[in-house]
Amino acid sequence: MNPKKFLRSAAVVFAAAASLTMTIPGNAYAIDHVECRGGENYLKIWSHSGGRESVDCYANRGRTGFGGWWVDKISTGNNDLIYYDANGDSVRINRWTEISFPNRPPKVDSIEIL
């Protein structure tokens, strides 16, 4: 191989690798909305809004919007959780915790698995 071509190719590969390193964060995590299945230790949230009810499960570290739904019950499974409510408060709930809000459910704007 021609030495000039080799150096040019090496420079292109190096530049591509450097640009990927700068654009991909080191701790990239993405919370996932997953199918609720028995026997799994997912974060599970029972909620309601506008006459509708929902049961949602989440896995993996990260933060996602929750749309201002009223939360009736949370089971954290093997996840540490912070929920951010409409009042601007953040509340941490440790893993292996189940909590119900029968009288005053929080209105949650987003959730974060730690």
PDB file of N, CA and C in Angstrom:
ATOM      1  N   MET A   1       0.844  -1.180   0.000  1.00  0.00           N
ATOM      2  CA  MET A   1       0.000   0.000   0.000  1.00  0.00           C
ATOM      3  C   MET A   1       0.885   1.238   0.000  1.00  0.00           C
ATOM      4  N   ASN A   2       0.495   2.216  -0.732  1.00  0.00           N
ATOM      5  CA  ASN A   2       1.184   3.490  -0.821  1.00  0.00           C
ATOM      6  C   ASN A   2       1.194   4.146   0.566  1.00  0.00           C
ATOM      7  N   PRO A   3       2.337   4.612   1.055  1.00  0.00           N
ATOM      8  CA  PRO A   3       2.407   5.225   2.390  1.00  0.00           C
ATOM      9  C   PRO A   3       1.483   6.431   2.539  1.00  0.00           C
ATOM     10  N   LYS A   4       1.310   7.230   1.486  1.00  0.00           N
ATOM     11  CA  LYS A   4       0.412   8.392   1.573  1.00  0.00           C
ATOM     12  C   LYS A   4      -1.033   7.946   1.753  1.00  0.00           C
ATOM     13  N   LYS A   5      -1.439   6.899   1.013  1.00  0.00           N
ATOM     14  CA  LYS A   5      -2.807   6.368   1.144  1.00  0.00           C
ATOM     15  C   LYS A   5      -3.024   5.805   2.544  1.00  0.00           C
ATOM     16  N   PHE A   6      -2.004   5.115   3.047  1.00  0.00           N
ATOM     17  CA  PHE A   6      -2.114   4.526   4.386  1.00  0.00           C
ATOM     18  C   PHE A   6      -2.310   5.618   5.430  1.00  0.00           C
ATOM     19  N   LEU A   7      -1.493   6.665   5.377  1.00  0.00           N
ATOM     20  CA  LEU A   7      -1.603   7.756   6.343  1.00  0.00           C
ATOM     21  C   LEU A   7      -2.948   8.466   6.231  1.00  0.00           C
ATOM     22  N   ARG A   8      -3.423   8.663   4.996  1.00  0.00           N
ATOM     23  CA  ARG A   8      -4.718   9.308   4.796  1.00  0.00           C
ATOM     24  C   ARG A   8      -5.837   8.448   5.387  1.00  0.00           C
ATOM     25  N   SER A   9      -5.782   7.138   5.129  1.00  0.00           N
ATOM     26  CA  SER A   9      -6.789   6.216   5.665  1.00  0.00           C
ATOM     27  C   SER A   9      -6.748   6.192   7.187  1.00  0.00           C
ATOM     28  N   ALA A  10      -5.544   6.165   7.745  1.00  0.00           N
ATOM     29  CA  ALA A  10      -5.404   6.158   9.200  1.00  0.00           C
ATOM     30  C   ALA A  10      -5.972   7.447   9.794  1.00  0.00           C
ATOM     31  N   ALA A  11      -5.728   8.574   9.143  1.00  0.00           N
ATOM     32  CA  ALA A  11      -6.245   9.850   9.633  1.00  0.00           C
ATOM     33  C   ALA A  11      -7.770   9.874   9.605  1.00  0.00           C
ATOM     34  N   VAL A  12      -8.378   9.332   8.558  1.00  0.00           N
ATOM     35  CA  VAL A  12      -9.844   9.286   8.455  1.00  0.00           C
ATOM     36  C   VAL A  12     -10.417   8.410   9.564  1.00  0.00           C
ATOM     37  N   VAL A  13      -9.814   7.242   9.790  1.00  0.00           N
ATOM     38  CA  VAL A  13     -10.288   6.341  10.850  1.00  0.00           C
ATOM     39  C   VAL A  13     -10.157   7.007  12.209  1.00  0.00           C
ATOM     40  N   PHE A  14      -9.035   7.657  12.461  1.00  0.00           N
ATOM     41  CA  PHE A  14      -8.819   8.352  13.732  1.00  0.00           C
ATOM     42  C   PHE A  14      -9.854   9.467  13.927  1.00  0.00           C
ATOM     43  N   ALA A  15     -10.112  10.251  12.905  1.00  0.00           N
ATOM     44  CA  ALA A  15     -11.083  11.346  12.995  1.00  0.00           C
ATOM     45  C   ALA A  15     -12.484  10.810  13.262  1.00  0.00           C
ATOM     46  N   ALA A  16     -12.843   9.716  12.606  1.00  0.00           N
ATOM     47  CA  ALA A  16     -14.167   9.117  12.831  1.00  0.00           C
ATOM     48  C   ALA A  16     -14.294   8.617  14.264  1.00  0.00           C
ATOM     49  N   ALA A  17     -13.264   7.958  14.763  1.00  0.00           N
ATOM     50  CA  ALA A  17     -13.294   7.453  16.141  1.00  0.00           C
ATOM     51  C   ALA A  17     -13.375   8.601  17.137  1.00  0.00           C
ATOM     52  N   ALA A  18     -12.644   9.660  16.894  1.00  0.00           N
ATOM     53  CA  ALA A  18     -12.657  10.821  17.790  1.00  0.00           C
ATOM     54  C   ALA A  18     -14.032  11.477  17.806  1.00  0.00           C
ATOM     55  N   SER A  19     -14.671  11.595  16.647  1.00  0.00           N
ATOM     56  CA  SER A  19     -15.989  12.234  16.613  1.00  0.00           C
ATOM     57  C   SER A  19     -17.029  11.382  17.329  1.00  0.00           C
ATOM     58  N   LEU A  20     -16.950  10.068  17.223  1.00  0.00           N
ATOM     59  CA  LEU A  20     -17.874   9.197  17.955  1.00  0.00           C
ATOM     60  C   LEU A  20     -17.661   9.310  19.451  1.00  0.00           C
ATOM     61  N   THR A  21     -16.431   9.390  19.872  1.00  0.00           N
ATOM     62  CA  THR A  21     -16.122   9.510  21.285  1.00  0.00           C
ATOM     63  C   THR A  21     -16.696  10.797  21.855  1.00  0.00           C
ATOM     64  N   MET A  22     -16.667  11.865  21.088  1.00  0.00           N
ATOM     65  CA  MET A  22     -17.165  13.143  21.579  1.00  0.00           C
ATOM     66  C   MET A  22     -18.683  13.229  21.533  1.00  0.00           C
ATOM     67  N   THR A  23     -19.359  12.477  20.668  1.00  0.00           N
ATOM     68  CA  THR A  23     -20.806  12.610  20.539  1.00  0.00           C
ATOM     69  C   THR A  23     -21.585  11.592  21.349  1.00  0.00           C
ATOM     70  N   ILE A  24     -20.962  10.507  21.784  1.00  0.00           N
ATOM     71  CA  ILE A  24     -21.656   9.492  22.572  1.00  0.00           C
ATOM     72  C   ILE A  24     -21.245   9.657  24.020  1.00  0.00           C
ATOM     73  N   PRO A  25     -22.189  10.012  24.922  1.00  0.00           N
ATOM     74  CA  PRO A  25     -21.822  10.206  26.322  1.00  0.00           C
ATOM     75  C   PRO A  25     -21.359   8.893  26.953  1.00  0.00           C
ATOM     76  N   GLY A  26     -20.515   9.020  27.968  1.00  0.00           N
ATOM     77  CA  GLY A  26     -19.971   7.843  28.621  1.00  0.00           C
ATOM     78  C   GLY A  26     -21.008   7.036  29.377  1.00  0.00           C
ATOM     79  N   ASN A  27     -21.952   7.698  30.027  1.00  0.00           N
ATOM     80  CA  ASN A  27     -22.961   6.998  30.813  1.00  0.00           C
ATOM     81  C   ASN A  27     -24.328   7.143  30.157  1.00  0.00           C
ATOM     82  N   ALA A  28     -24.480   6.602  28.995  1.00  0.00           N
ATOM     83  CA  ALA A  28     -25.748   6.709  28.273  1.00  0.00           C
ATOM     84  C   ALA A  28     -26.668   5.581  28.716  1.00  0.00           C
ATOM     85  N   TYR A  29     -27.761   5.958  29.356  1.00  0.00           N
ATOM     86  CA  TYR A  29     -28.742   4.987  29.803  1.00  0.00           C
ATOM     87  C   TYR A  29     -30.089   5.404  29.243  1.00  0.00           C
ATOM     88  N   ALA A  30     -30.906   4.448  28.968  1.00  0.00           N
ATOM     89  CA  ALA A  30     -32.232   4.758  28.438  1.00  0.00           C
ATOM     90  C   ALA A  30     -33.264   3.933  29.181  1.00  0.00           C
ATOM     91  N   ILE A  31     -34.127   4.603  29.899  1.00  0.00           N
ATOM     92  CA  ILE A  31     -35.215   3.923  30.580  1.00  0.00           C
ATOM     93  C   ILE A  31     -36.136   3.347  29.505  1.00  0.00           C
ATOM     94  N   ASP A  32     -36.653   2.163  29.744  1.00  0.00           N
ATOM     95  CA  ASP A  32     -37.526   1.506  28.774  1.00  0.00           C
ATOM     96  C   ASP A  32     -38.892   1.226  29.376  1.00  0.00           C
ATOM     97  N   HIS A  33     -39.931   1.561  28.641  1.00  0.00           N
ATOM     98  CA  HIS A  33     -41.301   1.178  28.987  1.00  0.00           C
ATOM     99  C   HIS A  33     -41.453  -0.256  28.502  1.00  0.00           C
ATOM    100  N   VAL A  34     -41.679  -1.199  29.414  1.00  0.00           N
ATOM    101  CA  VAL A  34     -41.690  -2.616  29.060  1.00  0.00           C
ATOM    102  C   VAL A  34     -43.030  -3.252  29.407  1.00  0.00           C
ATOM    103  N   GLU A  35     -43.263  -4.411  28.831  1.00  0.00           N
ATOM    104  CA  GLU A  35     -44.470  -5.182  29.131  1.00  0.00           C
ATOM    105  C   GLU A  35     -44.388  -5.687  30.563  1.00  0.00           C
ATOM    106  N   CYS A  36     -45.466  -5.484  31.321  1.00  0.00           N
ATOM    107  CA  CYS A  36     -45.521  -5.994  32.696  1.00  0.00           C
ATOM    108  C   CYS A  36     -45.709  -7.504  32.643  1.00  0.00           C
ATOM    109  N   ARG A  37     -44.811  -8.241  33.310  1.00  0.00           N
ATOM    110  CA  ARG A  37     -44.901  -9.698  33.349  1.00  0.00           C
ATOM    111  C   ARG A  37     -44.683 -10.163  34.771  1.00  0.00           C
ATOM    112  N   GLY A  38     -45.460 -11.140  35.194  1.00  0.00           N
ATOM    113  CA  GLY A  38     -45.297 -11.719  36.519  1.00  0.00           C
ATOM    114  C   GLY A  38     -43.913 -12.323  36.673  1.00  0.00           C
ATOM    115  N   GLY A  39     -43.358 -12.195  37.870  1.00  0.00           N
ATOM    116  CA  GLY A  39     -42.056 -12.767  38.140  1.00  0.00           C
ATOM    117  C   GLY A  39     -40.891 -11.862  37.797  1.00  0.00           C
ATOM    118  N   GLU A  40     -41.137 -10.752  37.112  1.00  0.00           N
ATOM    119  CA  GLU A  40     -40.080  -9.802  36.787  1.00  0.00           C
ATOM    120  C   GLU A  40     -40.028  -8.734  37.883  1.00  0.00           C
ATOM    121  N   ASN A  41     -38.875  -8.187  38.110  1.00  0.00           N
ATOM    122  CA  ASN A  41     -38.691  -7.184  39.164  1.00  0.00           C
ATOM    123  C   ASN A  41     -38.603  -5.779  38.599  1.00  0.00           C
ATOM    124  N   TYR A  42     -39.504  -5.472  37.658  1.00  0.00           N
ATOM    125  CA  TYR A  42     -39.543  -4.149  37.044  1.00  0.00           C
ATOM    126  C   TYR A  42     -40.156  -3.124  37.991  1.00  0.00           C
ATOM    127  N   LEU A  43     -39.906  -1.858  37.710  1.00  0.00           N
ATOM    128  CA  LEU A  43     -40.648  -0.780  38.340  1.00  0.00           C
ATOM    129  C   LEU A  43     -42.066  -0.854  37.782  1.00  0.00           C
ATOM    130  N   LYS A  44     -43.068  -0.862  38.659  1.00  0.00           N
ATOM    131  CA  LYS A  44     -44.463  -0.966  38.220  1.00  0.00           C
ATOM    132  C   LYS A  44     -45.255   0.166  38.858  1.00  0.00           C
ATOM    133  N   ILE A  45     -45.994   0.913  38.025  1.00  0.00           N
ATOM    134  CA  ILE A  45     -46.726   2.076  38.499  1.00  0.00           C
ATOM    135  C   ILE A  45     -48.189   1.990  38.055  1.00  0.00           C
ATOM    136  N   TRP A  46     -49.094   2.095  39.027  1.00  0.00           N
ATOM    137  CA  TRP A  46     -50.532   2.158  38.766  1.00  0.00           C
ATOM    138  C   TRP A  46     -50.913   3.627  38.818  1.00  0.00           C
ATOM    139  N   SER A  47     -51.631   4.124  37.801  1.00  0.00           N
ATOM    140  CA  SER A  47     -51.951   5.547  37.747  1.00  0.00           C
ATOM    141  C   SER A  47     -53.288   5.784  37.059  1.00  0.00           C
ATOM    142  N   HIS A  48     -53.747   7.038  37.153  1.00  0.00           N
ATOM    143  CA  HIS A  48     -54.993   7.420  36.475  1.00  0.00           C
ATOM    144  C   HIS A  48     -54.917   8.887  36.048  1.00  0.00           C
ATOM    145  N   SER A  49     -55.705   9.216  35.011  1.00  0.00           N
ATOM    146  CA  SER A  49     -55.802  10.587  34.523  1.00  0.00           C
ATOM    147  C   SER A  49     -56.981  10.698  33.574  1.00  0.00           C
ATOM    148  N   GLY A  50     -57.800  11.705  33.763  1.00  0.00           N
ATOM    149  CA  GLY A  50     -58.912  11.968  32.855  1.00  0.00           C
ATOM    150  C   GLY A  50     -59.867  10.801  32.682  1.00  0.00           C
ATOM    151  N   GLY A  51     -60.140  10.063  33.752  1.00  0.00           N
ATOM    152  CA  GLY A  51     -61.058   8.936  33.687  1.00  0.00           C
ATOM    153  C   GLY A  51     -60.441   7.651  33.162  1.00  0.00           C
ATOM    154  N   ARG A  52     -59.171   7.658  32.826  1.00  0.00           N
ATOM    155  CA  ARG A  52     -58.478   6.446  32.354  1.00  0.00           C
ATOM    156  C   ARG A  52     -57.549   5.946  33.443  1.00  0.00           C
ATOM    157  N   GLU A  53     -57.358   4.628  33.468  1.00  0.00           N
ATOM    158  CA  GLU A  53     -56.425   4.004  34.393  1.00  0.00           C
ATOM    159  C   GLU A  53     -55.343   3.290  33.601  1.00  0.00           C
ATOM    160  N   SER A  54     -54.163   3.156  34.205  1.00  0.00           N
ATOM    161  CA  SER A  54     -53.063   2.505  33.516  1.00  0.00           C
ATOM    162  C   SER A  54     -52.159   1.802  34.512  1.00  0.00           C
ATOM    163  N   VAL A  55     -51.560   0.716  34.071  1.00  0.00           N
ATOM    164  CA  VAL A  55     -50.503   0.036  34.818  1.00  0.00           C
ATOM    165  C   VAL A  55     -49.320  -0.061  33.864  1.00  0.00           C
ATOM    166  N   ASP A  56     -48.194   0.527  34.265  1.00  0.00           N
ATOM    167  CA  ASP A  56     -47.023   0.596  33.394  1.00  0.00           C
ATOM    168  C   ASP A  56     -45.802   0.049  34.113  1.00  0.00           C
ATOM    169  N   CYS A  57     -44.930  -0.588  33.343  1.00  0.00           N
ATOM    170  CA  CYS A  57     -43.691  -1.127  33.881  1.00  0.00           C
ATOM    171  C   CYS A  57     -42.500  -0.518  33.142  1.00  0.00           C
ATOM    172  N   TYR A  58     -41.395  -0.368  33.886  1.00  0.00           N
ATOM    173  CA  TYR A  58     -40.193   0.250  33.346  1.00  0.00           C
ATOM    174  C   TYR A  58     -38.962  -0.536  33.773  1.00  0.00           C
ATOM    175  N   ALA A  59     -37.942  -0.508  32.936  1.00  0.00           N
ATOM    176  CA  ALA A  59     -36.672  -1.155  33.230  1.00  0.00           C
ATOM    177  C   ALA A  59     -35.537  -0.255  32.761  1.00  0.00           C
ATOM    178  N   ASN A  60     -34.390  -0.441  33.318  1.00  0.00           N
ATOM    179  CA  ASN A  60     -33.141   0.233  32.954  1.00  0.00           C
ATOM    180  C   ASN A  60     -33.071   1.646  33.508  1.00  0.00           C
ATOM    181  N   ARG A  61     -31.860   2.082  33.717  1.00  0.00           N
ATOM    182  CA  ARG A  61     -31.578   3.387  34.287  1.00  0.00           C
ATOM    183  C   ARG A  61     -31.954   4.493  33.299  1.00  0.00           C
ATOM    184  N   GLY A  62     -32.462   5.598  33.840  1.00  0.00           N
ATOM    185  CA  GLY A  62     -32.774   6.748  33.010  1.00  0.00           C
ATOM    186  C   GLY A  62     -33.973   7.508  33.529  1.00  0.00           C
ATOM    187  N   ARG A  63     -34.341   8.535  32.798  1.00  0.00           N
ATOM    188  CA  ARG A  63     -35.467   9.397  33.188  1.00  0.00           C
ATOM    189  C   ARG A  63     -36.398   9.556  31.996  1.00  0.00           C
ATOM    190  N   THR A  64     -37.702   9.602  32.281  1.00  0.00           N
ATOM    191  CA  THR A  64     -38.697   9.780  31.226  1.00  0.00           C
ATOM    192  C   THR A  64     -39.882  10.566  31.773  1.00  0.00           C
ATOM    193  N   GLY A  65     -40.590  11.220  30.884  1.00  0.00           N
ATOM    194  CA  GLY A  65     -41.793  11.946  31.262  1.00  0.00           C
ATOM    195  C   GLY A  65     -42.908  10.992  31.655  1.00  0.00           C
ATOM    196  N   PHE A  66     -43.766  11.446  32.564  1.00  0.00           N
ATOM    197  CA  PHE A  66     -44.897  10.624  33.002  1.00  0.00           C
ATOM    198  C   PHE A  66     -46.231  11.312  32.727  1.00  0.00           C
ATOM    199  N   GLY A  67     -46.193  12.498  32.153  1.00  0.00           N
ATOM    200  CA  GLY A  67     -47.395  13.139  31.649  1.00  0.00           C
ATOM    201  C   GLY A  67     -48.347  13.734  32.662  1.00  0.00           C
ATOM    202  N   GLY A  68     -47.926  13.903  33.911  1.00  0.00           N
ATOM    203  CA  GLY A  68     -48.815  14.495  34.901  1.00  0.00           C
ATOM    204  C   GLY A  68     -49.946  13.597  35.349  1.00  0.00           C
ATOM    205  N   TRP A  69     -49.752  12.290  35.253  1.00  0.00           N
ATOM    206  CA  TRP A  69     -50.766  11.340  35.723  1.00  0.00           C
ATOM    207  C   TRP A  69     -50.714  11.254  37.250  1.00  0.00           C
ATOM    208  N   TRP A  70     -51.856  10.934  37.855  1.00  0.00           N
ATOM    209  CA  TRP A  70     -51.950  10.729  39.296  1.00  0.00           C
ATOM    210  C   TRP A  70     -51.524   9.304  39.605  1.00  0.00           C
ATOM    211  N   VAL A  71     -50.565   9.143  40.499  1.00  0.00           N
ATOM    212  CA  VAL A  71     -50.028   7.814  40.821  1.00  0.00           C
ATOM    213  C   VAL A  71     -50.752   7.246  42.035  1.00  0.00           C
ATOM    214  N   ASP A  72     -51.333   6.057  41.863  1.00  0.00           N
ATOM    215  CA  ASP A  72     -52.067   5.384  42.931  1.00  0.00           C
ATOM    216  C   ASP A  72     -51.193   4.415  43.727  1.00  0.00           C
ATOM    217  N   LYS A  73     -50.232   3.778  43.029  1.00  0.00           N
ATOM    218  CA  LYS A  73     -49.413   2.761  43.683  1.00  0.00           C
ATOM    219  C   LYS A  73     -48.107   2.605  42.909  1.00  0.00           C
ATOM    220  N   ILE A  74     -47.031   2.315  43.644  1.00  0.00           N
ATOM    221  CA  ILE A  74     -45.722   2.074  43.039  1.00  0.00           C
ATOM    222  C   ILE A  74     -45.117   0.826  43.675  1.00  0.00           C
ATOM    223  N   SER A  75     -44.600  -0.047  42.843  1.00  0.00           N
ATOM    224  CA  SER A  75     -43.794  -1.176  43.294  1.00  0.00           C
ATOM    225  C   SER A  75     -42.448  -1.032  42.584  1.00  0.00           C
ATOM    226  N   THR A  76     -41.378  -0.795  43.349  1.00  0.00           N
ATOM    227  CA  THR A  76     -40.098  -0.471  42.731  1.00  0.00           C
ATOM    228  C   THR A  76     -39.344  -1.685  42.199  1.00  0.00           C
ATOM    229  N   GLY A  77     -39.692  -2.893  42.654  1.00  0.00           N
ATOM    230  CA  GLY A  77     -38.928  -4.062  42.224  1.00  0.00           C
ATOM    231  C   GLY A  77     -37.477  -3.879  42.612  1.00  0.00           C
ATOM    232  N   ASN A  78     -36.555  -4.207  41.719  1.00  0.00           N
ATOM    233  CA  ASN A  78     -35.129  -4.065  42.051  1.00  0.00           C
ATOM    234  C   ASN A  78     -34.546  -2.728  41.576  1.00  0.00           C
ATOM    235  N   ASN A  79     -35.377  -1.691  41.579  1.00  0.00           N
ATOM    236  CA  ASN A  79     -34.971  -0.372  41.091  1.00  0.00           C
ATOM    237  C   ASN A  79     -35.101   0.684  42.177  1.00  0.00           C
ATOM    238  N   ASP A  80     -34.102   1.552  42.288  1.00  0.00           N
ATOM    239  CA  ASP A  80     -34.231   2.756  43.096  1.00  0.00           C
ATOM    240  C   ASP A  80     -34.879   3.802  42.199  1.00  0.00           C
ATOM    241  N   LEU A  81     -35.832   4.545  42.740  1.00  0.00           N
ATOM    242  CA  LEU A  81     -36.661   5.448  41.940  1.00  0.00           C
ATOM    243  C   LEU A  81     -36.669   6.844  42.528  1.00  0.00           C
ATOM    244  N   ILE A  82     -36.702   7.837  41.649  1.00  0.00           N
ATOM    245  CA  ILE A  82     -37.065   9.200  42.037  1.00  0.00           C
ATOM    246  C   ILE A  82     -38.228   9.595  41.144  1.00  0.00           C
ATOM    247  N   TYR A  83     -39.322  10.076  41.765  1.00  0.00           N
ATOM    248  CA  TYR A  83     -40.372  10.660  40.933  1.00  0.00           C
ATOM    249  C   TYR A  83     -40.412  12.155  41.188  1.00  0.00           C
ATOM    250  N   TYR A  84     -40.707  12.888  40.125  1.00  0.00           N
ATOM    251  CA  TYR A  84     -40.753  14.345  40.165  1.00  0.00           C
ATOM    252  C   TYR A  84     -42.208  14.761  39.999  1.00  0.00           C
ATOM    253  N   ASP A  85     -42.755  15.410  41.031  1.00  0.00           N
ATOM    254  CA  ASP A  85     -44.189  15.718  40.970  1.00  0.00           C
ATOM    255  C   ASP A  85     -44.445  17.125  40.447  1.00  0.00           C
ATOM    256  N   ALA A  86     -45.722  17.410  40.223  1.00  0.00           N
ATOM    257  CA  ALA A  86     -46.136  18.676  39.626  1.00  0.00           C
ATOM    258  C   ALA A  86     -45.844  19.873  40.524  1.00  0.00           C
ATOM    259  N   ASN A  87     -45.602  19.635  41.817  1.00  0.00           N
ATOM    260  CA  ASN A  87     -45.266  20.715  42.750  1.00  0.00           C
ATOM    261  C   ASN A  87     -43.787  21.074  42.718  1.00  0.00           C
ATOM    262  N   GLY A  88     -43.011  20.349  41.925  1.00  0.00           N
ATOM    263  CA  GLY A  88     -41.583  20.605  41.847  1.00  0.00           C
ATOM    264  C   GLY A  88     -40.756  19.792  42.824  1.00  0.00           C
ATOM    265  N   ASP A  89     -41.399  18.934  43.602  1.00  0.00           N
ATOM    266  CA  ASP A  89     -40.680  18.085  44.553  1.00  0.00           C
ATOM    267  C   ASP A  89     -40.147  16.840  43.867  1.00  0.00           C
ATOM    268  N   SER A  90     -39.073  16.299  44.418  1.00  0.00           N
ATOM    269  CA  SER A  90     -38.568  15.005  43.972  1.00  0.00           C
ATOM    270  C   SER A  90     -38.587  14.077  45.177  1.00  0.00           C
ATOM    271  N   VAL A  91     -39.058  12.858  44.957  1.00  0.00           N
ATOM    272  CA  VAL A  91     -39.203  11.891  46.043  1.00  0.00           C
ATOM    273  C   VAL A  91     -38.476  10.615  45.661  1.00  0.00           C
ATOM    274  N   ARG A  92     -37.564  10.200  46.524  1.00  0.00           N
ATOM    275  CA  ARG A  92     -36.826   8.961  46.285  1.00  0.00           C
ATOM    276  C   ARG A  92     -37.517   7.816  47.004  1.00  0.00           C
ATOM    277  N   ILE A  93     -37.622   6.684  46.285  1.00  0.00           N
ATOM    278  CA  ILE A  93     -38.171   5.454  46.861  1.00  0.00           C
ATOM    279  C   ILE A  93     -37.162   4.349  46.575  1.00  0.00           C
ATOM    280  N   ASN A  94     -36.728   3.666  47.618  1.00  0.00           N
ATOM    281  CA  ASN A  94     -35.718   2.623  47.476  1.00  0.00           C
ATOM    282  C   ASN A  94     -36.284   1.354  46.854  1.00  0.00           C
ATOM    283  N   ARG A  95     -35.367   0.556  46.310  1.00  0.00           N
ATOM    284  CA  ARG A  95     -35.759  -0.727  45.712  1.00  0.00           C
ATOM    285  C   ARG A  95     -36.462  -1.608  46.738  1.00  0.00           C
ATOM    286  N   TRP A  96     -37.242  -2.547  46.219  1.00  0.00           N
ATOM    287  CA  TRP A  96     -38.004  -3.526  47.001  1.00  0.00           C
ATOM    288  C   TRP A  96     -39.035  -2.853  47.904  1.00  0.00           C
ATOM    289  N   THR A  97     -39.586  -1.734  47.447  1.00  0.00           N
ATOM    290  CA  THR A  97     -40.602  -1.006  48.205  1.00  0.00           C
ATOM    291  C   THR A  97     -41.905  -0.992  47.426  1.00  0.00           C
ATOM    292  N   GLU A  98     -43.014  -1.157  48.150  1.00  0.00           N
ATOM    293  CA  GLU A  98     -44.340  -1.006  47.542  1.00  0.00           C
ATOM    294  C   GLU A  98     -45.074   0.030  48.371  1.00  0.00           C
ATOM    295  N   ILE A  99     -45.610   1.040  47.709  1.00  0.00           N
ATOM    296  CA  ILE A  99     -46.283   2.132  48.400  1.00  0.00           C
ATOM    297  C   ILE A  99     -47.572   2.482  47.661  1.00  0.00           C
ATOM    298  N   SER A 100     -48.632   2.734  48.435  1.00  0.00           N
ATOM    299  CA  SER A 100     -49.927   3.134  47.863  1.00  0.00           C
ATOM    300  C   SER A 100     -50.267   4.539  48.325  1.00  0.00           C
ATOM    301  N   PHE A 101     -51.013   5.250  47.495  1.00  0.00           N
ATOM    302  CA  PHE A 101     -51.444   6.606  47.804  1.00  0.00           C
ATOM    303  C   PHE A 101     -52.979   6.647  47.707  1.00  0.00           C
ATOM    304  N   PRO A 102     -53.700   6.070  48.690  1.00  0.00           N
ATOM    305  CA  PRO A 102     -55.154   5.962  48.563  1.00  0.00           C
ATOM    306  C   PRO A 102     -55.907   7.289  48.698  1.00  0.00           C
ATOM    307  N   ASN A 103     -55.383   8.232  49.467  1.00  0.00           N
ATOM    308  CA  ASN A 103     -56.121   9.470  49.728  1.00  0.00           C
ATOM    309  C   ASN A 103     -55.602  10.675  48.947  1.00  0.00           C
ATOM    310  N   ARG A 104     -54.302  10.798  48.810  1.00  0.00           N
ATOM    311  CA  ARG A 104     -53.713  11.963  48.148  1.00  0.00           C
ATOM    312  C   ARG A 104     -52.624  11.517  47.186  1.00  0.00           C
ATOM    313  N   PRO A 105     -53.001  11.023  46.022  1.00  0.00           N
ATOM    314  CA  PRO A 105     -51.987  10.564  45.074  1.00  0.00           C
ATOM    315  C   PRO A 105     -51.184  11.730  44.502  1.00  0.00           C
ATOM    316  N   PRO A 106     -49.882  11.525  44.297  1.00  0.00           N
ATOM    317  CA  PRO A 106     -49.085  12.582  43.678  1.00  0.00           C
ATOM    318  C   PRO A 106     -49.341  12.655  42.170  1.00  0.00           C
ATOM    319  N   LYS A 107     -49.284  13.859  41.646  1.00  0.00           N
ATOM    320  CA  LYS A 107     -49.372  14.077  40.203  1.00  0.00           C
ATOM    321  C   LYS A 107     -47.933  14.119  39.701  1.00  0.00           C
ATOM    322  N   VAL A 108     -47.539  13.120  38.903  1.00  0.00           N
ATOM    323  CA  VAL A 108     -46.129  12.927  38.558  1.00  0.00           C
ATOM    324  C   VAL A 108     -45.830  13.400  37.146  1.00  0.00           C
ATOM    325  N   ASP A 109     -44.817  14.258  37.032  1.00  0.00           N
ATOM    326  CA  ASP A 109     -44.393  14.768  35.742  1.00  0.00           C
ATOM    327  C   ASP A 109     -43.346  13.873  35.075  1.00  0.00           C
ATOM    328  N   SER A 110     -42.435  13.286  35.880  1.00  0.00           N
ATOM    329  CA  SER A 110     -41.430  12.394  35.316  1.00  0.00           C
ATOM    330  C   SER A 110     -40.934  11.425  36.377  1.00  0.00           C
ATOM    331  N   ILE A 111     -40.319  10.340  35.899  1.00  0.00           N
ATOM    332  CA  ILE A 111     -39.766   9.321  36.789  1.00  0.00           C
ATOM    333  C   ILE A 111     -38.328   9.059  36.365  1.00  0.00           C
ATOM    334  N   GLU A 112     -37.525   8.625  37.332  1.00  0.00           N
ATOM    335  CA  GLU A 112     -36.119   8.313  37.052  1.00  0.00           C
ATOM    336  C   GLU A 112     -35.708   7.062  37.807  1.00  0.00           C
ATOM    337  N   ILE A 113     -35.206   6.083  37.079  1.00  0.00           N
ATOM    338  CA  ILE A 113     -34.613   4.896  37.698  1.00  0.00           C
ATOM    339  C   ILE A 113     -33.122   5.171  37.844  1.00  0.00           C
ATOM    340  N   LEU A 114     -32.611   4.987  39.052  1.00  0.00           N
ATOM    341  CA  LEU A 114     -31.210   5.277  39.352  1.00  0.00           C
ATOM    342  C   LEU A 114     -30.317   4.088  39.092  1.00  0.00           C
TER     343      LEU A 114
END
